[in-house]
Amino acid sequence: MKEEIELYLKRAKKFEENAKFNFERKDYDIAMFHIEQAMQLIIKAKLLDEKGYFERTHSLRKLLHELKNDEVKKFVEKYEKVLRDLERAYITSRYYFEEFFEDEVLRAFEALREIRAILWKE
């Protein structure tokens, strides 16, 4: 299990690096998709760590709800719109195009850093 968790966290870091690259190229829709993937893997790794499994869903809000943690609850309230945007980024990357803007991506990066800090305190 520990190896799988480490793999999820490594992959999340790679998605974040890809998001930064896409952001620099002003490919904001792809950057949002990569941030969503990074966040999804960070959350799923934590669920594996705490519960040994996670629900088979791509909804960040559903996954976060399973953690039942006060800090996570505050995070969800603070970033409600960002989480919806990230979920839309996941869906639209597969089925149709949605445009995102620089400020939305910057806010998503902020949320990604914060959820990593909450879930994986060093």
C-alpha atoms as a PDB file:
ATOM      1  CA  MET A   1       0.000   0.000   0.000  1.00  0.00           C
ATOM      2  CA  LYS A   2       2.818   2.400   0.894  1.00  0.00           C
ATOM      3  CA  GLU A   3       4.344   1.992  -2.578  1.00  0.00           C
ATOM      4  CA  GLU A   4       1.016   2.800  -4.236  1.00  0.00           C
ATOM      5  CA  ILE A   5       0.618   5.919  -2.093  1.00  0.00           C
ATOM      6  CA  GLU A   6       4.136   7.068  -3.014  1.00  0.00           C
ATOM      7  CA  LEU A   7       3.393   6.444  -6.694  1.00  0.00           C
ATOM      8  CA  TYR A   8       0.219   8.570  -6.480  1.00  0.00           C
ATOM      9  CA  LEU A   9       2.126  11.407  -4.807  1.00  0.00           C
ATOM     10  CA  LYS A  10       4.981  11.244  -7.349  1.00  0.00           C
ATOM     11  CA  ARG A  11       2.521  11.300 -10.210  1.00  0.00           C
ATOM     12  CA  ALA A  12       0.687  14.235  -8.626  1.00  0.00           C
ATOM     13  CA  LYS A  13       3.967  16.157  -8.571  1.00  0.00           C
ATOM     14  CA  LYS A  14       4.492  15.417 -12.276  1.00  0.00           C
ATOM     15  CA  PHE A  15       0.978  16.673 -13.092  1.00  0.00           C
ATOM     16  CA  GLU A  16       1.730  19.842 -11.128  1.00  0.00           C
ATOM     17  CA  GLU A  17       4.967  20.341 -13.095  1.00  0.00           C
ATOM     18  CA  ASN A  18       3.014  19.871 -16.329  1.00  0.00           C
ATOM     19  CA  ALA A  19       0.455  22.416 -15.134  1.00  0.00           C
ATOM     20  CA  LYS A  20       3.225  24.958 -14.500  1.00  0.00           C
ATOM     21  CA  PHE A  21       4.640  24.355 -17.986  1.00  0.00           C
ATOM     22  CA  ASN A  22       1.179  24.778 -19.562  1.00  0.00           C
ATOM     23  CA  PHE A  23       0.531  27.892 -17.484  1.00  0.00           C
ATOM     24  CA  GLU A  24       3.755  29.482 -18.711  1.00  0.00           C
ATOM     25  CA  ARG A  25       2.631  28.792 -22.297  1.00  0.00           C
ATOM     26  CA  LYS A  26      -0.778  30.339 -21.485  1.00  0.00           C
ATOM     27  CA  ASP A  27      -2.525  26.998 -22.102  1.00  0.00           C
ATOM     28  CA  TYR A  28      -4.845  27.625 -19.178  1.00  0.00           C
ATOM     29  CA  ASP A  29      -7.397  24.910 -19.959  1.00  0.00           C
ATOM     30  CA  ILE A  30      -4.691  22.217 -20.009  1.00  0.00           C
ATOM     31  CA  ALA A  31      -3.082  23.674 -16.883  1.00  0.00           C
ATOM     32  CA  MET A  32      -6.437  23.397 -15.067  1.00  0.00           C
ATOM     33  CA  PHE A  33      -6.791  19.778 -16.177  1.00  0.00           C
ATOM     34  CA  HIS A  34      -3.317  18.951 -14.864  1.00  0.00           C
ATOM     35  CA  ILE A  35      -4.009  20.704 -11.551  1.00  0.00           C
ATOM     36  CA  GLU A  36      -7.219  18.677 -11.220  1.00  0.00           C
ATOM     37  CA  GLN A  37      -5.302  15.459 -11.856  1.00  0.00           C
ATOM     38  CA  ALA A  38      -2.640  16.403  -9.295  1.00  0.00           C
ATOM     39  CA  MET A  39      -5.253  17.250  -6.679  1.00  0.00           C
ATOM     40  CA  GLN A  40      -7.222  14.083  -7.360  1.00  0.00           C
ATOM     41  CA  LEU A  41      -4.124  11.930  -6.851  1.00  0.00           C
ATOM     42  CA  ILE A  42      -3.128  13.762  -3.651  1.00  0.00           C
ATOM     43  CA  ILE A  43      -6.594  13.197  -2.195  1.00  0.00           C
ATOM     44  CA  LYS A  44      -6.764   9.563  -3.312  1.00  0.00           C
ATOM     45  CA  ALA A  45      -3.330   8.913  -1.798  1.00  0.00           C
ATOM     46  CA  LYS A  46      -4.573  10.285   1.536  1.00  0.00           C
ATOM     47  CA  LEU A  47      -7.709   8.144   1.368  1.00  0.00           C
ATOM     48  CA  LEU A  48      -5.529   5.087   0.717  1.00  0.00           C
ATOM     49  CA  ASP A  49      -3.355   6.077   3.667  1.00  0.00           C
ATOM     50  CA  GLU A  50      -6.288   6.563   6.046  1.00  0.00           C
ATOM     51  CA  LYS A  51      -8.879   4.054   4.820  1.00  0.00           C
ATOM     52  CA  GLY A  52      -7.063   1.690   2.490  1.00  0.00           C
ATOM     53  CA  TYR A  53      -9.386   2.540  -0.407  1.00  0.00           C
ATOM     54  CA  PHE A  54     -11.190   5.373  -2.157  1.00  0.00           C
ATOM     55  CA  GLU A  55     -14.464   5.711  -4.019  1.00  0.00           C
ATOM     56  CA  ARG A  56     -14.161   5.306  -7.784  1.00  0.00           C
ATOM     57  CA  THR A  57     -15.103   8.861  -8.686  1.00  0.00           C
ATOM     58  CA  HIS A  58     -13.432  11.858 -10.247  1.00  0.00           C
ATOM     59  CA  SER A  59     -15.367  14.347  -8.124  1.00  0.00           C
ATOM     60  CA  LEU A  60     -12.887  16.194  -5.941  1.00  0.00           C
ATOM     61  CA  ARG A  61     -15.677  17.326  -3.622  1.00  0.00           C
ATOM     62  CA  LYS A  62     -16.951  13.766  -3.087  1.00  0.00           C
ATOM     63  CA  LEU A  63     -13.440  12.530  -2.395  1.00  0.00           C
ATOM     64  CA  LEU A  64     -12.729  15.364   0.044  1.00  0.00           C
ATOM     65  CA  HIS A  65     -16.042  14.719   1.822  1.00  0.00           C
ATOM     66  CA  GLU A  66     -14.818  11.203   2.644  1.00  0.00           C
ATOM     67  CA  LEU A  67     -11.917  12.600   4.687  1.00  0.00           C
ATOM     68  CA  LYS A  68     -14.207  14.067   7.401  1.00  0.00           C
ATOM     69  CA  ASN A  69     -11.627  16.490   8.732  1.00  0.00           C
ATOM     70  CA  ASP A  70     -12.336  20.033   9.987  1.00  0.00           C
ATOM     71  CA  GLU A  71      -9.417  21.507   8.031  1.00  0.00           C
ATOM     72  CA  VAL A  72     -10.641  19.792   4.874  1.00  0.00           C
ATOM     73  CA  LYS A  73     -14.184  21.030   5.497  1.00  0.00           C
ATOM     74  CA  LYS A  74     -12.883  24.629   5.740  1.00  0.00           C
ATOM     75  CA  PHE A  75     -10.824  24.067   2.590  1.00  0.00           C
ATOM     76  CA  VAL A  76     -13.911  22.918   0.655  1.00  0.00           C
ATOM     77  CA  GLU A  77     -15.859  25.973   1.810  1.00  0.00           C
ATOM     78  CA  LYS A  78     -12.993  28.328   0.930  1.00  0.00           C
ATOM     79  CA  TYR A  79     -12.372  26.812  -2.523  1.00  0.00           C
ATOM     80  CA  GLU A  80     -15.899  25.770  -3.514  1.00  0.00           C
ATOM     81  CA  LYS A  81     -15.761  27.607  -6.858  1.00  0.00           C
ATOM     82  CA  VAL A  82     -12.218  26.440  -7.618  1.00  0.00           C
ATOM     83  CA  LEU A  83     -13.200  22.822  -6.957  1.00  0.00           C
ATOM     84  CA  ARG A  84     -16.171  23.161  -9.317  1.00  0.00           C
ATOM     85  CA  ASP A  85     -13.895  24.722 -11.952  1.00  0.00           C
ATOM     86  CA  LEU A  86     -11.395  21.883 -11.581  1.00  0.00           C
ATOM     87  CA  GLU A  87     -14.141  19.275 -11.919  1.00  0.00           C
ATOM     88  CA  ARG A  88     -15.332  21.091 -15.058  1.00  0.00           C
ATOM     89  CA  ALA A  89     -11.761  21.119 -16.369  1.00  0.00           C
ATOM     90  CA  TYR A  90     -11.634  17.335 -16.022  1.00  0.00           C
ATOM     91  CA  ILE A  91     -14.934  16.812 -17.843  1.00  0.00           C
ATOM     92  CA  THR A  92     -14.328  19.371 -20.580  1.00  0.00           C
ATOM     93  CA  SER A  93     -10.862  18.005 -21.325  1.00  0.00           C
ATOM     94  CA  ARG A  94     -12.576  14.841 -22.509  1.00  0.00           C
ATOM     95  CA  TYR A  95     -15.803  15.965 -24.129  1.00  0.00           C
ATOM     96  CA  TYR A  96     -15.647  19.596 -25.236  1.00  0.00           C
ATOM     97  CA  PHE A  97     -13.627  22.773 -24.850  1.00  0.00           C
ATOM     98  CA  GLU A  98     -13.906  25.199 -21.938  1.00  0.00           C
ATOM     99  CA  GLU A  99     -11.800  28.301 -21.621  1.00  0.00           C
ATOM    100  CA  PHE A 100     -10.142  29.181 -18.326  1.00  0.00           C
ATOM    101  CA  PHE A 101      -8.323  32.388 -17.466  1.00  0.00           C
ATOM    102  CA  GLU A 102      -5.031  33.180 -15.770  1.00  0.00           C
ATOM    103  CA  ASP A 103      -6.587  34.251 -12.467  1.00  0.00           C
ATOM    104  CA  GLU A 104      -8.618  31.028 -12.254  1.00  0.00           C
ATOM    105  CA  VAL A 105      -5.510  28.917 -12.787  1.00  0.00           C
ATOM    106  CA  LEU A 106      -3.534  30.892 -10.191  1.00  0.00           C
ATOM    107  CA  ARG A 107      -6.325  30.309  -7.659  1.00  0.00           C
ATOM    108  CA  ALA A 108      -6.312  26.585  -8.531  1.00  0.00           C
ATOM    109  CA  PHE A 109      -2.535  26.419  -7.933  1.00  0.00           C
ATOM    110  CA  GLU A 110      -3.139  28.066  -4.554  1.00  0.00           C
ATOM    111  CA  ALA A 111      -5.777  25.442  -3.701  1.00  0.00           C
ATOM    112  CA  LEU A 112      -3.458  22.637  -4.786  1.00  0.00           C
ATOM    113  CA  ARG A 113      -0.654  23.876  -2.533  1.00  0.00           C
ATOM    114  CA  GLU A 114      -3.051  24.284   0.369  1.00  0.00           C
ATOM    115  CA  ILE A 115      -4.649  20.835   0.108  1.00  0.00           C
ATOM    116  CA  ARG A 116      -1.210  19.217  -0.114  1.00  0.00           C
ATOM    117  CA  ALA A 117      -0.168  21.087   3.048  1.00  0.00           C
ATOM    118  CA  ILE A 118      -3.338  20.032   4.860  1.00  0.00           C
ATOM    119  CA  LEU A 119      -3.228  16.369   3.872  1.00  0.00           C
ATOM    120  CA  TRP A 120       0.507  15.723   3.841  1.00  0.00           C
ATOM    121  CA  LYS A 121       1.989  17.728   6.697  1.00  0.00           C
ATOM    122  CA  GLU A 122       5.689  17.102   7.016  1.00  0.00           C
END
